[in-house]
């Protein structure tokens, strides 16, 4: 995933970045969502700071709801079984941290 998203976010701040780690603070407004995507080498860890928020994986077949203080990990894509996820939100403001470990793609 590149640093230039073709979708709208209320705010995105990169708090730390190295060749193998990125920590971002993301705020999505009502109705905003991160579109379907996957990372080939990156593990995504979501930490809900203000929510609730919903993370959908496997083409929408699995939905995980996070409340403030809860986290969810999505491993990198593996051969033949790669999670595709969309961060989708209730129709209110949402704030979370995304810790990406691996080689950013």
C-alpha atoms as a PDB file:
ATOM      1  CA  UNK A   1       0.000   0.000   0.000  1.00  0.00           C
ATOM      2  CA  UNK A   2       1.408   3.361  -0.912  1.00  0.00           C
ATOM      3  CA  UNK A   3       1.471   6.458   1.274  1.00  0.00           C
ATOM      4  CA  UNK A   4      -0.910   8.241  -1.129  1.00  0.00           C
ATOM      5  CA  UNK A   5      -4.369   6.792  -0.585  1.00  0.00           C
ATOM      6  CA  UNK A   6      -6.976   7.232  -3.336  1.00  0.00           C
ATOM      7  CA  UNK A   7      -9.686   7.461  -0.656  1.00  0.00           C
ATOM      8  CA  UNK A   8     -10.750  10.046   1.911  1.00  0.00           C
ATOM      9  CA  UNK A   9      -9.573  10.049   5.525  1.00  0.00           C
ATOM     10  CA  UNK A  10     -10.362  12.737   8.038  1.00  0.00           C
ATOM     11  CA  UNK A  11      -6.764  12.531   9.241  1.00  0.00           C
ATOM     12  CA  UNK A  12      -3.700  10.297   8.940  1.00  0.00           C
ATOM     13  CA  UNK A  13      -0.519  10.933  10.901  1.00  0.00           C
ATOM     14  CA  UNK A  14       2.526   8.673  10.614  1.00  0.00           C
ATOM     15  CA  UNK A  15       3.931   8.569  14.151  1.00  0.00           C
ATOM     16  CA  UNK A  16       6.969   6.385  13.398  1.00  0.00           C
ATOM     17  CA  UNK A  17       8.447   4.796  10.281  1.00  0.00           C
ATOM     18  CA  UNK A  18      11.472   2.626   9.523  1.00  0.00           C
ATOM     19  CA  UNK A  19      12.146   0.284   6.585  1.00  0.00           C
ATOM     20  CA  UNK A  20      10.240  -2.498   8.401  1.00  0.00           C
ATOM     21  CA  UNK A  21       7.766  -0.673  10.678  1.00  0.00           C
ATOM     22  CA  UNK A  22       5.080   1.996  10.373  1.00  0.00           C
ATOM     23  CA  UNK A  23       2.843   3.305  13.151  1.00  0.00           C
ATOM     24  CA  UNK A  24      -0.038   5.490  11.980  1.00  0.00           C
ATOM     25  CA  UNK A  25      -2.863   7.306  13.733  1.00  0.00           C
ATOM     26  CA  UNK A  26      -5.993   7.325  11.574  1.00  0.00           C
ATOM     27  CA  UNK A  27      -9.257   9.180  12.007  1.00  0.00           C
ATOM     28  CA  UNK A  28     -12.199   8.380   9.774  1.00  0.00           C
ATOM     29  CA  UNK A  29     -15.303  10.522   9.693  1.00  0.00           C
ATOM     30  CA  UNK A  30     -18.883   9.298   9.387  1.00  0.00           C
ATOM     31  CA  UNK A  31     -19.272   7.056   6.348  1.00  0.00           C
ATOM     32  CA  UNK A  32     -15.541   6.878   5.570  1.00  0.00           C
ATOM     33  CA  UNK A  33     -13.787   3.517   5.156  1.00  0.00           C
ATOM     34  CA  UNK A  34     -10.450   2.120   3.999  1.00  0.00           C
ATOM     35  CA  UNK A  35     -11.182   0.091   0.831  1.00  0.00           C
ATOM     36  CA  UNK A  36     -10.437  -3.598   0.264  1.00  0.00           C
ATOM     37  CA  UNK A  37      -6.711  -4.305   0.076  1.00  0.00           C
ATOM     38  CA  UNK A  38      -3.996  -6.687   1.247  1.00  0.00           C
ATOM     39  CA  UNK A  39      -0.341  -6.536   2.232  1.00  0.00           C
ATOM     40  CA  UNK A  40       2.043  -9.173   0.913  1.00  0.00           C
ATOM     41  CA  UNK A  41       4.671  -8.875   3.651  1.00  0.00           C
ATOM     42  CA  UNK A  42       3.041  -6.749   6.341  1.00  0.00           C
ATOM     43  CA  UNK A  43       1.239  -7.691   9.557  1.00  0.00           C
ATOM     44  CA  UNK A  44      -1.436  -5.114  10.442  1.00  0.00           C
ATOM     45  CA  UNK A  45      -2.299  -4.600  14.113  1.00  0.00           C
ATOM     46  CA  UNK A  46      -5.292  -2.340  14.757  1.00  0.00           C
ATOM     47  CA  UNK A  47      -5.826  -0.709  18.145  1.00  0.00           C
ATOM     48  CA  UNK A  48      -9.206   0.982  18.541  1.00  0.00           C
ATOM     49  CA  UNK A  49      -8.858   4.265  20.425  1.00  0.00           C
ATOM     50  CA  UNK A  50     -12.387   5.613  19.810  1.00  0.00           C
ATOM     51  CA  UNK A  51     -15.080   3.517  18.292  1.00  0.00           C
ATOM     52  CA  UNK A  52     -16.529   1.038  17.886  1.00  0.00           C
ATOM     53  CA  UNK A  53     -14.958  -0.036  14.597  1.00  0.00           C
ATOM     54  CA  UNK A  54     -15.371  -3.085  12.367  1.00  0.00           C
ATOM     55  CA  UNK A  55     -12.655  -4.879  10.418  1.00  0.00           C
ATOM     56  CA  UNK A  56     -13.866  -7.110   7.587  1.00  0.00           C
ATOM     57  CA  UNK A  57     -11.683  -9.887   6.163  1.00  0.00           C
ATOM     58  CA  UNK A  58     -12.051 -12.732   3.679  1.00  0.00           C
ATOM     59  CA  UNK A  59     -14.259 -10.839   1.273  1.00  0.00           C
ATOM     60  CA  UNK A  60     -16.598  -9.686   4.035  1.00  0.00           C
ATOM     61  CA  UNK A  61     -17.262 -13.196   5.357  1.00  0.00           C
ATOM     62  CA  UNK A  62     -15.587 -12.400   8.685  1.00  0.00           C
ATOM     63  CA  UNK A  63     -16.281  -9.235  10.691  1.00  0.00           C
ATOM     64  CA  UNK A  64     -14.488  -8.273  13.880  1.00  0.00           C
ATOM     65  CA  UNK A  65     -15.890  -5.457  16.009  1.00  0.00           C
ATOM     66  CA  UNK A  66     -13.432  -3.550  18.200  1.00  0.00           C
ATOM     67  CA  UNK A  67     -14.275  -1.277  21.087  1.00  0.00           C
ATOM     68  CA  UNK A  68     -11.854   1.255  22.604  1.00  0.00           C
ATOM     69  CA  UNK A  69      -8.779  -0.513  24.000  1.00  0.00           C
ATOM     70  CA  UNK A  70      -9.268  -3.682  21.932  1.00  0.00           C
ATOM     71  CA  UNK A  71      -6.910  -4.831  19.170  1.00  0.00           C
ATOM     72  CA  UNK A  72      -6.991  -7.129  16.171  1.00  0.00           C
ATOM     73  CA  UNK A  73      -4.088  -8.592  14.158  1.00  0.00           C
ATOM     74  CA  UNK A  74      -4.220  -9.413  10.437  1.00  0.00           C
ATOM     75  CA  UNK A  75      -1.219 -11.480   9.294  1.00  0.00           C
ATOM     76  CA  UNK A  76       0.478 -10.930   5.943  1.00  0.00           C
ATOM     77  CA  UNK A  77      -0.818 -12.717   2.885  1.00  0.00           C
ATOM     78  CA  UNK A  78       0.382 -16.264   2.553  1.00  0.00           C
ATOM     79  CA  UNK A  79       0.463 -18.365  -0.629  1.00  0.00           C
ATOM     80  CA  UNK A  80      -3.093 -19.219  -1.607  1.00  0.00           C
ATOM     81  CA  UNK A  81      -4.623 -17.808   1.557  1.00  0.00           C
ATOM     82  CA  UNK A  82      -4.219 -14.084   1.827  1.00  0.00           C
ATOM     83  CA  UNK A  83      -6.522 -11.979   3.969  1.00  0.00           C
ATOM     84  CA  UNK A  84      -8.091  -9.074   2.149  1.00  0.00           C
ATOM     85  CA  UNK A  85      -9.436  -6.545   4.569  1.00  0.00           C
ATOM     86  CA  UNK A  86     -11.509  -3.420   4.686  1.00  0.00           C
ATOM     87  CA  UNK A  87     -11.637  -1.199   7.738  1.00  0.00           C
ATOM     88  CA  UNK A  88     -15.321  -0.242   7.897  1.00  0.00           C
ATOM     89  CA  UNK A  89     -16.969   1.944  10.435  1.00  0.00           C
ATOM     90  CA  UNK A  90     -20.221   2.814  12.071  1.00  0.00           C
ATOM     91  CA  UNK A  91     -21.723   6.124  10.908  1.00  0.00           C
ATOM     92  CA  UNK A  92     -19.746   8.194  13.411  1.00  0.00           C
ATOM     93  CA  UNK A  93     -16.194   9.398  13.879  1.00  0.00           C
ATOM     94  CA  UNK A  94     -13.586   6.705  14.532  1.00  0.00           C
ATOM     95  CA  UNK A  95      -9.977   6.911  15.712  1.00  0.00           C
ATOM     96  CA  UNK A  96      -7.441   4.071  15.725  1.00  0.00           C
ATOM     97  CA  UNK A  97      -3.749   3.196  15.593  1.00  0.00           C
ATOM     98  CA  UNK A  98      -2.391   0.912  12.861  1.00  0.00           C
ATOM     99  CA  UNK A  99       0.928  -0.805  13.568  1.00  0.00           C
ATOM    100  CA  UNK A 100       2.402  -2.330  10.385  1.00  0.00           C
ATOM    101  CA  UNK A 101       5.361  -4.685  10.783  1.00  0.00           C
ATOM    102  CA  UNK A 102       7.194  -6.099   7.772  1.00  0.00           C
ATOM    103  CA  UNK A 103       8.138  -4.591   4.460  1.00  0.00           C
ATOM    104  CA  UNK A 104       5.556  -1.906   3.568  1.00  0.00           C
ATOM    105  CA  UNK A 105       3.822  -2.757   0.298  1.00  0.00           C
END
